Full PDB file with SEQRES, HELIX, SHEET, SSBOND, CRYST1, ORIGX, SCALE, CONECT and MASTER records, all heavy atoms in Angstrom:
SEQRES   1 A   41  ASP ALA ALA SER ILE ASN ALA ARG THR ILE ALA GLU PHE          
SEQRES   2 A   41  ARG ALA ASN GLN GLY LEU VAL GLY GLY GLY PHE ALA GLY          
SEQRES   3 A   41  ALA PRO LEU LEU LEU LEU HIS THR ALA GLY ALA ARG SER          
SEQRES   4 A   41  GLY THR                                                      
HELIX    1 AA1 ALA A    2  ALA A   15  1                                  14    
HELIX    2 AA2 GLY A   22  PHE A   24  5                                   3    
CRYST1    1.000    1.000    1.000  90.00  90.00  90.00 P 1           1          
ORIGX1      1.000000  0.000000  0.000000        0.00000                         
ORIGX2      0.000000  1.000000  0.000000        0.00000                         
ORIGX3      0.000000  0.000000  1.000000        0.00000                         
SCALE1      1.000000  0.000000  0.000000        0.00000                         
SCALE2      0.000000  1.000000  0.000000        0.00000                         
SCALE3      0.000000  0.000000  1.000000        0.00000                         
ATOM      1  N   ASP A   1      57.869  12.763 -27.029  1.00  0.00           N  
ATOM      2  CA  ASP A   1      56.422  12.617 -26.784  1.00  0.00           C  
ATOM      3  C   ASP A   1      55.590  13.131 -27.989  1.00  0.00           C  
ATOM      4  O   ASP A   1      54.676  12.521 -28.416  1.00  0.00           O  
ATOM      5  CB  ASP A   1      55.999  13.411 -25.599  1.00  0.00           C  
ATOM      6  CG  ASP A   1      56.359  12.668 -24.251  1.00  0.00           C  
ATOM      7  OD1 ASP A   1      56.638  11.454 -24.328  1.00  0.00           O  
ATOM      8  OD2 ASP A   1      56.384  13.280 -23.194  1.00  0.00           O  
ATOM      9  N   ALA A   2      55.984  14.328 -28.518  1.00  0.00           N  
ATOM     10  CA  ALA A   2      55.262  14.842 -29.682  1.00  0.00           C  
ATOM     11  C   ALA A   2      55.379  13.908 -30.945  1.00  0.00           C  
ATOM     12  O   ALA A   2      54.413  13.691 -31.606  1.00  0.00           O  
ATOM     13  CB  ALA A   2      55.754  16.240 -30.060  1.00  0.00           C  
ATOM     14  N   ALA A   3      56.565  13.394 -31.135  1.00  0.00           N  
ATOM     15  CA  ALA A   3      56.776  12.497 -32.259  1.00  0.00           C  
ATOM     16  C   ALA A   3      55.977  11.209 -32.049  1.00  0.00           C  
ATOM     17  O   ALA A   3      55.355  10.657 -33.011  1.00  0.00           O  
ATOM     18  CB  ALA A   3      58.208  12.169 -32.428  1.00  0.00           C  
ATOM     19  N   SER A   4      55.848  10.727 -30.854  1.00  0.00           N  
ATOM     20  CA  SER A   4      55.157   9.519 -30.502  1.00  0.00           C  
ATOM     21  C   SER A   4      53.694   9.742 -30.733  1.00  0.00           C  
ATOM     22  O   SER A   4      52.913   8.903 -31.280  1.00  0.00           O  
ATOM     23  CB  SER A   4      55.462   9.076 -29.089  1.00  0.00           C  
ATOM     24  OG  SER A   4      54.652   7.970 -28.723  1.00  0.00           O  
ATOM     25  N   ILE A   5      53.150  10.888 -30.249  1.00  0.00           N  
ATOM     26  CA  ILE A   5      51.749  11.229 -30.425  1.00  0.00           C  
ATOM     27  C   ILE A   5      51.432  11.381 -31.907  1.00  0.00           C  
ATOM     28  O   ILE A   5      50.424  10.791 -32.398  1.00  0.00           O  
ATOM     29  CB  ILE A   5      51.394  12.503 -29.665  1.00  0.00           C  
ATOM     30  CG1 ILE A   5      51.451  12.228 -28.165  1.00  0.00           C  
ATOM     31  CG2 ILE A   5      50.040  13.022 -30.107  1.00  0.00           C  
ATOM     32  CD1 ILE A   5      51.445  13.532 -27.332  1.00  0.00           C  
ATOM     33  N   ASN A   6      52.281  12.016 -32.667  1.00  0.00           N  
ATOM     34  CA  ASN A   6      52.088  12.170 -34.101  1.00  0.00           C  
ATOM     35  C   ASN A   6      52.071  10.828 -34.802  1.00  0.00           C  
ATOM     36  O   ASN A   6      51.205  10.547 -35.617  1.00  0.00           O  
ATOM     37  CB  ASN A   6      53.128  13.025 -34.713  1.00  0.00           C  
ATOM     38  CG  ASN A   6      52.878  14.496 -34.517  1.00  0.00           C  
ATOM     39  OD1 ASN A   6      51.842  14.919 -34.002  1.00  0.00           O  
ATOM     40  ND2 ASN A   6      53.812  15.355 -34.940  1.00  0.00           N  
ATOM     41  N   ALA A   7      52.970   9.937 -34.431  1.00  0.00           N  
ATOM     42  CA  ALA A   7      53.035   8.622 -35.063  1.00  0.00           C  
ATOM     43  C   ALA A   7      51.756   7.824 -34.804  1.00  0.00           C  
ATOM     44  O   ALA A   7      51.238   7.169 -35.687  1.00  0.00           O  
ATOM     45  CB  ALA A   7      54.222   7.829 -34.561  1.00  0.00           C  
ATOM     46  N   ARG A   8      51.263   7.877 -33.597  1.00  0.00           N  
ATOM     47  CA  ARG A   8      50.013   7.171 -33.264  1.00  0.00           C  
ATOM     48  C   ARG A   8      48.860   7.773 -33.980  1.00  0.00           C  
ATOM     49  O   ARG A   8      47.960   7.086 -34.470  1.00  0.00           O  
ATOM     50  CB  ARG A   8      49.766   7.173 -31.722  1.00  0.00           C  
ATOM     51  CG  ARG A   8      50.658   6.215 -30.952  1.00  0.00           C  
ATOM     52  CD  ARG A   8      50.171   6.007 -29.549  1.00  0.00           C  
ATOM     53  NE  ARG A   8      49.994   7.245 -28.789  1.00  0.00           N  
ATOM     54  CZ  ARG A   8      50.894   7.871 -28.038  1.00  0.00           C  
ATOM     55  NH1 ARG A   8      52.093   7.351 -27.981  1.00  0.00           N  
ATOM     56  NH2 ARG A   8      50.620   8.975 -27.429  1.00  0.00           N  
ATOM     57  N   THR A   9      48.801   9.101 -34.051  1.00  0.00           N  
ATOM     58  CA  THR A   9      47.671   9.802 -34.774  1.00  0.00           C  
ATOM     59  C   THR A   9      47.719   9.439 -36.248  1.00  0.00           C  
ATOM     60  O   THR A   9      46.700   9.180 -36.842  1.00  0.00           O  
ATOM     61  CB  THR A   9      47.815  11.300 -34.538  1.00  0.00           C  
ATOM     62  OG1 THR A   9      47.759  11.581 -33.105  1.00  0.00           O  
ATOM     63  CG2 THR A   9      46.644  12.008 -35.238  1.00  0.00           C  
ATOM     64  N   ILE A  10      48.911   9.446 -36.843  1.00  0.00           N  
ATOM     65  CA  ILE A  10      49.059   9.073 -38.279  1.00  0.00           C  
ATOM     66  C   ILE A  10      48.554   7.682 -38.496  1.00  0.00           C  
ATOM     67  O   ILE A  10      47.787   7.424 -39.495  1.00  0.00           O  
ATOM     68  CB  ILE A  10      50.511   9.297 -38.723  1.00  0.00           C  
ATOM     69  CG1 ILE A  10      50.826  10.788 -38.762  1.00  0.00           C  
ATOM     70  CG2 ILE A  10      50.740   8.697 -40.118  1.00  0.00           C  
ATOM     71  CD1 ILE A  10      52.332  11.078 -38.889  1.00  0.00           C  
ATOM     72  N   ALA A  11      48.983   6.737 -37.667  1.00  0.00           N  
ATOM     73  CA  ALA A  11      48.538   5.362 -37.837  1.00  0.00           C  
ATOM     74  C   ALA A  11      47.072   5.199 -37.661  1.00  0.00           C  
ATOM     75  O   ALA A  11      46.388   4.515 -38.497  1.00  0.00           O  
ATOM     76  CB  ALA A  11      49.250   4.455 -36.837  1.00  0.00           C  
ATOM     77  N   GLU A  12      46.452   5.925 -36.698  1.00  0.00           N  
ATOM     78  CA  GLU A  12      45.027   5.868 -36.531  1.00  0.00           C  
ATOM     79  C   GLU A  12      44.269   6.439 -37.681  1.00  0.00           C  
ATOM     80  O   GLU A  12      43.248   5.912 -38.149  1.00  0.00           O  
ATOM     81  CB  GLU A  12      44.635   6.586 -35.233  1.00  0.00           C  
ATOM     82  CG  GLU A  12      43.182   6.431 -34.817  1.00  0.00           C  
ATOM     83  CD  GLU A  12      42.887   7.091 -33.467  1.00  0.00           C  
ATOM     84  OE1 GLU A  12      43.741   7.645 -32.840  1.00  0.00           O  
ATOM     85  OE2 GLU A  12      41.679   6.983 -33.078  1.00  0.00           O  
ATOM     86  N   PHE A  13      44.761   7.598 -38.216  1.00  0.00           N  
ATOM     87  CA  PHE A  13      44.182   8.230 -39.357  1.00  0.00           C  
ATOM     88  C   PHE A  13      44.141   7.300 -40.546  1.00  0.00           C  
ATOM     89  O   PHE A  13      43.091   7.146 -41.181  1.00  0.00           O  
ATOM     90  CB  PHE A  13      45.048   9.514 -39.662  1.00  0.00           C  
ATOM     91  CG  PHE A  13      44.560  10.341 -40.828  1.00  0.00           C  
ATOM     92  CD1 PHE A  13      43.870  11.498 -40.617  1.00  0.00           C  
ATOM     93  CD2 PHE A  13      44.843   9.955 -42.149  1.00  0.00           C  
ATOM     94  CE1 PHE A  13      43.409  12.331 -41.681  1.00  0.00           C  
ATOM     95  CE2 PHE A  13      44.397  10.754 -43.216  1.00  0.00           C  
ATOM     96  CZ  PHE A  13      43.692  11.920 -42.962  1.00  0.00           C  
ATOM     97  N   ARG A  14      45.260   6.638 -40.809  1.00  0.00           N  
ATOM     98  CA  ARG A  14      45.334   5.754 -41.949  1.00  0.00           C  
ATOM     99  C   ARG A  14      44.464   4.499 -41.766  1.00  0.00           C  
ATOM    100  O   ARG A  14      43.922   3.979 -42.739  1.00  0.00           O  
ATOM    101  CB  ARG A  14      46.790   5.385 -42.181  1.00  0.00           C  
ATOM    102  CG  ARG A  14      47.560   6.519 -42.731  1.00  0.00           C  
ATOM    103  CD  ARG A  14      49.042   6.205 -42.965  1.00  0.00           C  
ATOM    104  NE  ARG A  14      49.731   7.282 -43.701  1.00  0.00           N  
ATOM    105  CZ  ARG A  14      51.004   7.455 -43.686  1.00  0.00           C  
ATOM    106  NH1 ARG A  14      51.751   6.638 -42.994  1.00  0.00           N  
ATOM    107  NH2 ARG A  14      51.512   8.430 -44.360  1.00  0.00           N  
ATOM    108  N   ALA A  15      44.332   4.017 -40.524  1.00  0.00           N  
ATOM    109  CA  ALA A  15      43.556   2.821 -40.293  1.00  0.00           C  
ATOM    110  C   ALA A  15      42.042   3.075 -40.349  1.00  0.00           C  
ATOM    111  O   ALA A  15      41.263   2.136 -40.518  1.00  0.00           O  
ATOM    112  CB  ALA A  15      43.949   2.258 -38.933  1.00  0.00           C  
ATOM    113  N   ASN A  16      41.656   4.328 -40.149  1.00  0.00           N  
ATOM    114  CA  ASN A  16      40.223   4.648 -40.035  1.00  0.00           C  
ATOM    115  C   ASN A  16      39.728   5.727 -41.067  1.00  0.00           C  
ATOM    116  O   ASN A  16      38.866   6.501 -40.748  1.00  0.00           O  
ATOM    117  CB  ASN A  16      39.928   5.191 -38.638  1.00  0.00           C  
ATOM    118  CG  ASN A  16      40.237   4.093 -37.582  1.00  0.00           C  
ATOM    119  OD1 ASN A  16      39.569   3.068 -37.587  1.00  0.00           O  
ATOM    120  ND2 ASN A  16      41.203   4.346 -36.754  1.00  0.00           N  
ATOM    121  N   GLN A  17      40.318   5.707 -42.237  1.00  0.00           N  
ATOM    122  CA  GLN A  17      39.917   6.624 -43.321  1.00  0.00           C  
ATOM    123  C   GLN A  17      39.817   8.045 -42.886  1.00  0.00           C  
ATOM    124  O   GLN A  17      38.941   8.825 -43.258  1.00  0.00           O  
ATOM    125  CB  GLN A  17      38.572   6.186 -43.942  1.00  0.00           C  
ATOM    126  CG  GLN A  17      38.547   4.838 -44.563  1.00  0.00           C  
ATOM    127  CD  GLN A  17      38.527   3.643 -43.588  1.00  0.00           C  
ATOM    128  OE1 GLN A  17      37.811   3.657 -42.645  1.00  0.00           O  
ATOM    129  NE2 GLN A  17      39.391   2.701 -43.837  1.00  0.00           N  
ATOM    130  N   GLY A  18      40.804   8.488 -42.095  1.00  0.00           N  
ATOM    131  CA  GLY A  18      40.952   9.859 -41.703  1.00  0.00           C  
ATOM    132  C   GLY A  18      40.283  10.234 -40.389  1.00  0.00           C  
ATOM    133  O   GLY A  18      40.339  11.418 -39.992  1.00  0.00           O  
ATOM    134  N   LEU A  19      39.666   9.313 -39.703  1.00  0.00           N  
ATOM    135  CA  LEU A  19      39.020   9.585 -38.408  1.00  0.00           C  
ATOM    136  C   LEU A  19      39.915   9.166 -37.302  1.00  0.00           C  
ATOM    137  O   LEU A  19      40.569   8.067 -37.367  1.00  0.00           O  
ATOM    138  CB  LEU A  19      37.703   8.840 -38.322  1.00  0.00           C  
ATOM    139  CG  LEU A  19      36.686   9.212 -39.421  1.00  0.00           C  
ATOM    140  CD1 LEU A  19      35.455   8.342 -39.216  1.00  0.00           C  
ATOM    141  CD2 LEU A  19      36.280  10.664 -39.323  1.00  0.00           C  
ATOM    142  N   VAL A  20      40.054  10.004 -36.235  1.00  0.00           N  
ATOM    143  CA  VAL A  20      40.886   9.715 -35.118  1.00  0.00           C  
ATOM    144  C   VAL A  20      40.105  10.056 -33.840  1.00  0.00           C  
ATOM    145  O   VAL A  20      39.172  10.849 -33.865  1.00  0.00           O  
ATOM    146  CB  VAL A  20      42.208  10.416 -35.169  1.00  0.00           C  
ATOM    147  CG1 VAL A  20      43.011   9.993 -36.346  1.00  0.00           C  
ATOM    148  CG2 VAL A  20      42.066  11.910 -35.111  1.00  0.00           C  
ATOM    149  N   GLY A  21      40.595   9.551 -32.737  1.00  0.00           N  
ATOM    150  CA  GLY A  21      40.001   9.857 -31.408  1.00  0.00           C  
ATOM    151  C   GLY A  21      40.965  10.800 -30.666  1.00  0.00           C  
ATOM    152  O   GLY A  21      41.695  11.611 -31.252  1.00  0.00           O  
ATOM    153  N   GLY A  22      40.919  10.698 -29.364  1.00  0.00           N  
ATOM    154  CA  GLY A  22      41.812  11.531 -28.483  1.00  0.00           C  
ATOM    155  C   GLY A  22      41.520  12.971 -28.687  1.00  0.00           C  
ATOM    156  O   GLY A  22      40.394  13.396 -28.896  1.00  0.00           O  
ATOM    157  N   GLY A  23      42.562  13.775 -28.573  1.00  0.00           N  
ATOM    158  CA  GLY A  23      42.433  15.207 -28.673  1.00  0.00           C  
ATOM    159  C   GLY A  23      41.884  15.735 -30.025  1.00  0.00           C  
ATOM    160  O   GLY A  23      41.422  16.826 -30.113  1.00  0.00           O  
ATOM    161  N   PHE A  24      41.980  14.878 -31.038  1.00  0.00           N  
ATOM    162  CA  PHE A  24      41.453  15.269 -32.369  1.00  0.00           C  
ATOM    163  C   PHE A  24      40.078  14.734 -32.644  1.00  0.00           C  
ATOM    164  O   PHE A  24      39.573  14.954 -33.806  1.00  0.00           O  
ATOM    165  CB  PHE A  24      42.437  14.793 -33.464  1.00  0.00           C  
ATOM    166  CG  PHE A  24      43.694  15.531 -33.508  1.00  0.00           C  
ATOM    167  CD1 PHE A  24      44.925  14.880 -33.304  1.00  0.00           C  
ATOM    168  CD2 PHE A  24      43.809  16.890 -33.759  1.00  0.00           C  
ATOM    169  CE1 PHE A  24      46.145  15.509 -33.394  1.00  0.00           C  
ATOM    170  CE2 PHE A  24      44.989  17.573 -33.868  1.00  0.00           C  
ATOM    171  CZ  PHE A  24      46.162  16.873 -33.654  1.00  0.00           C  
ATOM    172  N   ALA A  25      39.448  14.031 -31.753  1.00  0.00           N  
ATOM    173  CA  ALA A  25      38.149  13.393 -31.981  1.00  0.00           C  
ATOM    174  C   ALA A  25      37.112  14.459 -32.464  1.00  0.00           C  
ATOM    175  O   ALA A  25      36.973  15.509 -31.853  1.00  0.00           O  
ATOM    176  CB  ALA A  25      37.608  12.732 -30.716  1.00  0.00           C  
ATOM    177  N   GLY A  26      36.508  14.157 -33.601  1.00  0.00           N  
ATOM    178  CA  GLY A  26      35.481  15.071 -34.169  1.00  0.00           C  
ATOM    179  C   GLY A  26      36.035  16.261 -34.932  1.00  0.00           C  
ATOM    180  O   GLY A  26      35.267  16.985 -35.527  1.00  0.00           O  
ATOM    181  N   ALA A  27      37.342  16.514 -34.885  1.00  0.00           N  
ATOM    182  CA  ALA A  27      37.898  17.659 -35.521  1.00  0.00           C  
ATOM    183  C   ALA A  27      38.354  17.314 -36.924  1.00  0.00           C  
ATOM    184  O   ALA A  27      38.755  16.191 -37.206  1.00  0.00           O  
ATOM    185  CB  ALA A  27      39.088  18.168 -34.728  1.00  0.00           C  
ATOM    186  N   PRO A  28      38.240  18.255 -37.843  1.00  0.00           N  
ATOM    187  CA  PRO A  28      38.749  17.989 -39.192  1.00  0.00           C  
ATOM    188  C   PRO A  28      40.301  17.922 -39.178  1.00  0.00           C  
ATOM    189  O   PRO A  28      40.908  18.834 -38.692  1.00  0.00           O  
ATOM    190  CB  PRO A  28      38.245  19.178 -40.058  1.00  0.00           C  
ATOM    191  CG  PRO A  28      38.001  20.278 -39.042  1.00  0.00           C  
ATOM    192  CD  PRO A  28      37.693  19.605 -37.744  1.00  0.00           C  
ATOM    193  N   LEU A  29      40.806  16.819 -39.671  1.00  0.00           N  
ATOM    194  CA  LEU A  29      42.216  16.507 -39.581  1.00  0.00           C  
ATOM    195  C   LEU A  29      42.730  16.149 -40.943  1.00  0.00           C  
ATOM    196  O   LEU A  29      42.066  15.377 -41.657  1.00  0.00           O  
ATOM    197  CB  LEU A  29      42.449  15.458 -38.545  1.00  0.00           C  
ATOM    198  CG  LEU A  29      43.900  15.140 -38.150  1.00  0.00           C  
ATOM    199  CD1 LEU A  29      44.476  16.269 -37.280  1.00  0.00           C  
ATOM    200  CD2 LEU A  29      44.001  13.832 -37.422  1.00  0.00           C  
ATOM    201  N   LEU A  30      43.926  16.589 -41.247  1.00  0.00           N  
ATOM    202  CA  LEU A  30      44.593  16.124 -42.497  1.00  0.00           C  
ATOM    203  C   LEU A  30      46.025  15.773 -42.109  1.00  0.00           C  
ATOM    204  O   LEU A  30      46.527  16.082 -41.074  1.00  0.00           O  
ATOM    205  CB  LEU A  30      44.571  17.147 -43.598  1.00  0.00           C  
ATOM    206  CG  LEU A  30      45.195  18.573 -43.329  1.00  0.00           C  
ATOM    207  CD1 LEU A  30      46.656  18.569 -43.456  1.00  0.00           C  
ATOM    208  CD2 LEU A  30      44.591  19.581 -44.283  1.00  0.00           C  
ATOM    209  N   LEU A  31      46.615  14.965 -43.021  1.00  0.00           N  
ATOM    210  CA  LEU A  31      48.086  14.642 -42.867  1.00  0.00           C  
ATOM    211  C   LEU A  31      48.807  15.527 -43.858  1.00  0.00           C  
ATOM    212  O   LEU A  31      48.510  15.474 -45.066  1.00  0.00           O  
ATOM    213  CB  LEU A  31      48.340  13.173 -43.122  1.00  0.00           C  
ATOM    214  CG  LEU A  31      47.699  12.170 -42.183  1.00  0.00           C  
ATOM    215  CD1 LEU A  31      48.131  10.779 -42.537  1.00  0.00           C  
ATOM    216  CD2 LEU A  31      48.018  12.481 -40.709  1.00  0.00           C  
ATOM    217  N   LEU A  32      49.727  16.339 -43.385  1.00  0.00           N  
ATOM    218  CA  LEU A  32      50.477  17.263 -44.183  1.00  0.00           C  
ATOM    219  C   LEU A  32      51.836  16.665 -44.495  1.00  0.00           C  
ATOM    220  O   LEU A  32      52.609  16.390 -43.541  1.00  0.00           O  
ATOM    221  CB  LEU A  32      50.622  18.579 -43.441  1.00  0.00           C  
ATOM    222  CG  LEU A  32      51.435  19.685 -44.101  1.00  0.00           C  
ATOM    223  CD1 LEU A  32      50.866  20.103 -45.463  1.00  0.00           C  
ATOM    224  CD2 LEU A  32      51.573  20.902 -43.127  1.00  0.00           C  
ATOM    225  N   HIS A  33      52.096  16.458 -45.776  1.00  0.00           N  
ATOM    226  CA  HIS A  33      53.388  15.900 -46.232  1.00  0.00           C  
ATOM    227  C   HIS A  33      54.258  17.074 -46.713  1.00  0.00           C  
ATOM    228  O   HIS A  33      53.864  17.729 -47.687  1.00  0.00           O  
ATOM    229  CB  HIS A  33      53.177  14.946 -47.364  1.00  0.00           C  
ATOM    230  CG  HIS A  33      52.340  13.759 -47.013  1.00  0.00           C  
ATOM    231  ND1 HIS A  33      52.924  12.488 -46.836  1.00  0.00           N  
ATOM    232  CD2 HIS A  33      51.033  13.588 -46.842  1.00  0.00           C  
ATOM    233  CE1 HIS A  33      51.935  11.627 -46.587  1.00  0.00           C  
ATOM    234  NE2 HIS A  33      50.839  12.263 -46.597  1.00  0.00           N  
ATOM    235  N   THR A  34      55.375  17.310 -46.065  1.00  0.00           N  
ATOM    236  CA  THR A  34      56.249  18.383 -46.517  1.00  0.00           C  
ATOM    237  C   THR A  34      57.667  17.819 -46.672  1.00  0.00           C  
ATOM    238  O   THR A  34      58.006  16.700 -46.289  1.00  0.00           O  
ATOM    239  CB  THR A  34      56.355  19.521 -45.416  1.00  0.00           C  
ATOM    240  OG1 THR A  34      56.872  18.966 -44.239  1.00  0.00           O  
ATOM    241  CG2 THR A  34      54.973  20.136 -45.168  1.00  0.00           C  
ATOM    242  N   ALA A  35      58.516  18.643 -47.247  1.00  0.00           N  
ATOM    243  CA  ALA A  35      59.940  18.303 -47.344  1.00  0.00           C  
ATOM    244  C   ALA A  35      60.656  19.256 -46.372  1.00  0.00           C  
ATOM    245  O   ALA A  35      60.367  20.435 -46.274  1.00  0.00           O  
ATOM    246  CB  ALA A  35      60.458  18.600 -48.761  1.00  0.00           C  
ATOM    247  N   GLY A  36      61.647  18.688 -45.603  1.00  0.00           N  
ATOM    248  CA  GLY A  36      62.366  19.532 -44.645  1.00  0.00           C  
ATOM    249  C   GLY A  36      62.917  20.743 -45.299  1.00  0.00           C  
ATOM    250  O   GLY A  36      63.426  20.661 -46.399  1.00  0.00           O  
ATOM    251  N   ALA A  37      62.847  21.863 -44.616  1.00  0.00           N  
ATOM    252  CA  ALA A  37      63.297  23.174 -45.172  1.00  0.00           C  
ATOM    253  C   ALA A  37      64.750  23.113 -45.612  1.00  0.00           C  
ATOM    254  O   ALA A  37      65.112  23.602 -46.642  1.00  0.00           O  
ATOM    255  CB  ALA A  37      63.089  24.271 -44.134  1.00  0.00           C  
ATOM    256  N   ARG A  38      65.616  22.544 -44.822  1.00  0.00           N  
ATOM    257  CA  ARG A  38      67.071  22.452 -45.119  1.00  0.00           C  
ATOM    258  C   ARG A  38      67.422  21.112 -45.683  1.00  0.00           C  
ATOM    259  O   ARG A  38      68.202  20.983 -46.636  1.00  0.00           O  
ATOM    260  CB  ARG A  38      67.904  22.757 -43.892  1.00  0.00           C  
ATOM    261  CG  ARG A  38      67.776  24.245 -43.502  1.00  0.00           C  
ATOM    262  CD  ARG A  38      68.720  24.620 -42.376  1.00  0.00           C  
ATOM    263  NE  ARG A  38      68.499  23.757 -41.173  1.00  0.00           N  
ATOM    264  CZ  ARG A  38      67.787  24.095 -40.147  1.00  0.00           C  
ATOM    265  NH1 ARG A  38      67.195  25.294 -40.150  1.00  0.00           N  
ATOM    266  NH2 ARG A  38      67.622  23.304 -39.138  1.00  0.00           N  
ATOM    267  N   SER A  39      66.913  20.009 -45.089  1.00  0.00           N  
ATOM    268  CA  SER A  39      67.351  18.733 -45.458  1.00  0.00           C  
ATOM    269  C   SER A  39      66.609  18.105 -46.645  1.00  0.00           C  
ATOM    270  O   SER A  39      67.124  17.241 -47.332  1.00  0.00           O  
ATOM    271  CB  SER A  39      67.136  17.745 -44.300  1.00  0.00           C  
ATOM    272  OG  SER A  39      65.717  17.563 -44.044  1.00  0.00           O  
ATOM    273  N   GLY A  40      65.405  18.566 -46.874  1.00  0.00           N  
ATOM    274  CA  GLY A  40      64.567  17.982 -47.958  1.00  0.00           C  
ATOM    275  C   GLY A  40      63.953  16.642 -47.569  1.00  0.00           C  
ATOM    276  O   GLY A  40      63.258  16.002 -48.329  1.00  0.00           O  
ATOM    277  N   THR A  41      64.239  16.178 -46.340  1.00  0.00           N  
ATOM    278  CA  THR A  41      63.698  14.941 -45.793  1.00  0.00           C  
ATOM    279  C   THR A  41      62.176  14.940 -45.758  1.00  0.00           C  
ATOM    280  O   THR A  41      61.622  15.963 -45.212  1.00  0.00           O  
ATOM    281  CB  THR A  41      64.254  14.662 -44.450  1.00  0.00           C  
ATOM    282  OG1 THR A  41      65.692  14.606 -44.511  1.00  0.00           O  
ATOM    283  CG2 THR A  41      63.758  13.326 -43.884  1.00  0.00           C  
TER     284      THR A  41                                                      
MASTER        0    0    0    2    0    0    0    6  283    1    0    4          
END                                                                             
């Protein structure tokens, strides 16, 4: 569920220049790109 919600939020963010609805509506949101601590993925 969390991965599904994240995937939808990421897609909405990208489609709307950083604006999203739902639980994040009106909140400042960023997409954080990291490398896995062990895997580097």
